[in-house]
C-alpha atoms as a PDB file:
ATOM      1  CA  MET A   1      -9.890  -8.576 -38.015  1.00  0.00           C
ATOM      2  CA  PRO A   2      -8.496 -12.057 -38.554  1.00  0.00           C
ATOM      3  CA  ASN A   3     -10.720 -14.974 -37.605  1.00  0.00           C
ATOM      4  CA  THR A   4      -7.988 -16.441 -35.387  1.00  0.00           C
ATOM      5  CA  LEU A   5      -8.637 -14.015 -32.531  1.00  0.00           C
ATOM      6  CA  CYS A   6     -10.156 -15.459 -29.395  1.00  0.00           C
ATOM      7  CA  GLY A   7     -13.472 -14.131 -28.099  1.00  0.00           C
ATOM      8  CA  MET A   8     -12.012 -12.038 -25.290  1.00  0.00           C
ATOM      9  CA  HIS A   9      -9.465 -10.416 -27.581  1.00  0.00           C
ATOM     10  CA  ARG A  10     -12.217  -9.566 -30.073  1.00  0.00           C
ATOM     11  CA  GLN A  11     -14.159  -7.833 -27.302  1.00  0.00           C
ATOM     12  CA  VAL A  12     -11.109  -5.807 -26.304  1.00  0.00           C
ATOM     13  CA  VAL A  13     -10.402  -4.776 -29.884  1.00  0.00           C
ATOM     14  CA  ARG A  14     -14.062  -3.883 -30.459  1.00  0.00           C
ATOM     15  CA  ALA A  15     -14.151  -1.830 -27.237  1.00  0.00           C
ATOM     16  CA  ARG A  16     -11.051   0.076 -28.291  1.00  0.00           C
ATOM     17  CA  GLU A  17     -12.469   0.771 -31.727  1.00  0.00           C
ATOM     18  CA  THR A  18     -15.848   1.999 -30.460  1.00  0.00           C
ATOM     19  CA  GLY A  19     -14.650   3.585 -27.209  1.00  0.00           C
ATOM     20  CA  VAL A  20     -17.345   1.720 -25.228  1.00  0.00           C
ATOM     21  CA  LYS A  21     -16.237  -0.356 -22.282  1.00  0.00           C
ATOM     22  CA  GLY A  22     -18.150  -3.291 -20.876  1.00  0.00           C
ATOM     23  CA  ARG A  23     -19.368  -3.700 -17.335  1.00  0.00           C
ATOM     24  CA  VAL A  24     -16.991  -4.828 -14.599  1.00  0.00           C
ATOM     25  CA  PRO A  25     -17.920  -8.309 -13.390  1.00  0.00           C
ATOM     26  CA  LEU A  26     -19.237  -8.597  -9.838  1.00  0.00           C
ATOM     27  CA  TRP A  27     -16.459 -10.989  -8.801  1.00  0.00           C
ATOM     28  CA  ARG A  28     -13.851  -8.336  -9.656  1.00  0.00           C
ATOM     29  CA  TRP A  29     -15.613  -5.792  -7.443  1.00  0.00           C
ATOM     30  CA  ALA A  30     -15.752  -8.333  -4.613  1.00  0.00           C
ATOM     31  CA  LEU A  31     -12.062  -9.119  -5.037  1.00  0.00           C
ATOM     32  CA  TRP A  32     -11.196  -5.406  -5.096  1.00  0.00           C
ATOM     33  CA  TRP A  33     -13.054  -4.703  -1.833  1.00  0.00           C
ATOM     34  CA  LEU A  34     -11.578  -7.802  -0.183  1.00  0.00           C
ATOM     35  CA  ILE A  35      -8.026  -6.744  -1.049  1.00  0.00           C
ATOM     36  CA  LEU A  36      -8.732  -3.171   0.068  1.00  0.00           C
ATOM     37  CA  ALA A  37     -10.119  -4.338   3.421  1.00  0.00           C
ATOM     38  CA  PHE A  38      -7.100  -6.592   3.953  1.00  0.00           C
ATOM     39  CA  ALA A  39      -4.704  -3.721   3.160  1.00  0.00           C
ATOM     40  CA  LEU A  40      -6.477  -1.372   5.577  1.00  0.00           C
ATOM     41  CA  VAL A  41      -6.289  -3.924   8.376  1.00  0.00           C
ATOM     42  CA  LEU A  42      -2.646  -4.659   7.609  1.00  0.00           C
ATOM     43  CA  PHE A  43      -1.467  -1.052   7.577  1.00  0.00           C
ATOM     44  CA  TYR A  44      -3.694   0.623  10.158  1.00  0.00           C
ATOM     45  CA  VAL A  45      -4.235  -2.187  12.665  1.00  0.00           C
ATOM     46  CA  LEU A  46      -1.017  -4.199  12.477  1.00  0.00           C
ATOM     47  CA  LEU A  47       1.764  -1.946  11.200  1.00  0.00           C
ATOM     48  CA  THR A  48       0.858   1.306  12.981  1.00  0.00           C
ATOM     49  CA  PRO A  49       1.422  -0.144  16.489  1.00  0.00           C
ATOM     50  CA  VAL A  50       4.710  -1.652  15.308  1.00  0.00           C
ATOM     51  CA  TRP A  51       5.835   1.733  13.983  1.00  0.00           C
ATOM     52  CA  MET A  52       4.758   3.498  17.201  1.00  0.00           C
ATOM     53  CA  GLY A  53       6.616   0.895  19.265  1.00  0.00           C
ATOM     54  CA  LEU A  54       9.794   1.427  17.268  1.00  0.00           C
ATOM     55  CA  ARG A  55       9.504   5.195  17.723  1.00  0.00           C
ATOM     56  CA  ALA A  56       8.995   4.728  21.477  1.00  0.00           C
ATOM     57  CA  LEU A  57      12.116   2.536  21.673  1.00  0.00           C
ATOM     58  CA  ALA A  58      14.118   5.136  19.748  1.00  0.00           C
ATOM     59  CA  TRP A  59      12.876   7.891  22.045  1.00  0.00           C
ATOM     60  CA  LEU A  60      13.780   5.806  25.112  1.00  0.00           C
ATOM     61  CA  ALA A  61      17.276   5.067  23.754  1.00  0.00           C
ATOM     62  CA  ASP A  62      17.845   8.760  23.072  1.00  0.00           C
ATOM     63  CA  PHE A  63      16.527   9.714  26.509  1.00  0.00           C
ATOM     64  CA  ARG A  64      18.861   7.250  28.222  1.00  0.00           C
ATOM     65  CA  ALA A  65      21.820   8.381  26.111  1.00  0.00           C
ATOM     66  CA  ARG A  66      21.261  12.026  27.097  1.00  0.00           C
ATOM     67  CA  ARG A  67      21.552  11.120  30.762  1.00  0.00           C
ATOM     68  CA  ARG A  68      25.032   9.624  30.332  1.00  0.00           C
ATOM     69  CA  PRO A  69      28.056  11.812  31.065  1.00  0.00           C
ATOM     70  CA  GLY A  70      29.896  12.992  27.976  1.00  0.00           C
ATOM     71  CA  TYR A  71      26.859  12.776  25.711  1.00  0.00           C
ATOM     72  CA  ARG A  72      27.352  14.459  22.340  1.00  0.00           C
ATOM     73  CA  PRO A  73      24.176  15.018  20.295  1.00  0.00           C
ATOM     74  CA  PRO A  74      24.271  13.482  16.798  1.00  0.00           C
ATOM     75  CA  VAL A  75      23.121  16.763  15.246  1.00  0.00           C
ATOM     76  CA  THR A  76      24.269  20.093  16.548  1.00  0.00           C
ATOM     77  CA  PRO A  77      21.827  23.008  16.269  1.00  0.00           C
ATOM     78  CA  SER A  78      23.122  25.793  14.042  1.00  0.00           C
END
């Protein structure tokens, strides 16, 4: 190995050569769990009600359209 490699790069090269990986720092675990918690809140708490509201509006629009005279369904059953 050339002496111009930085310390972190040397560790990576050494880990690849020996097949031994170092420990994951605690701050990376904390960051991982923080991002995961944020994603769960975003998708399950915020976006699910938005999606359900859009589906309810679509159902209501379809229901109102079926009550009009001359309604033709967009898809005909075969």
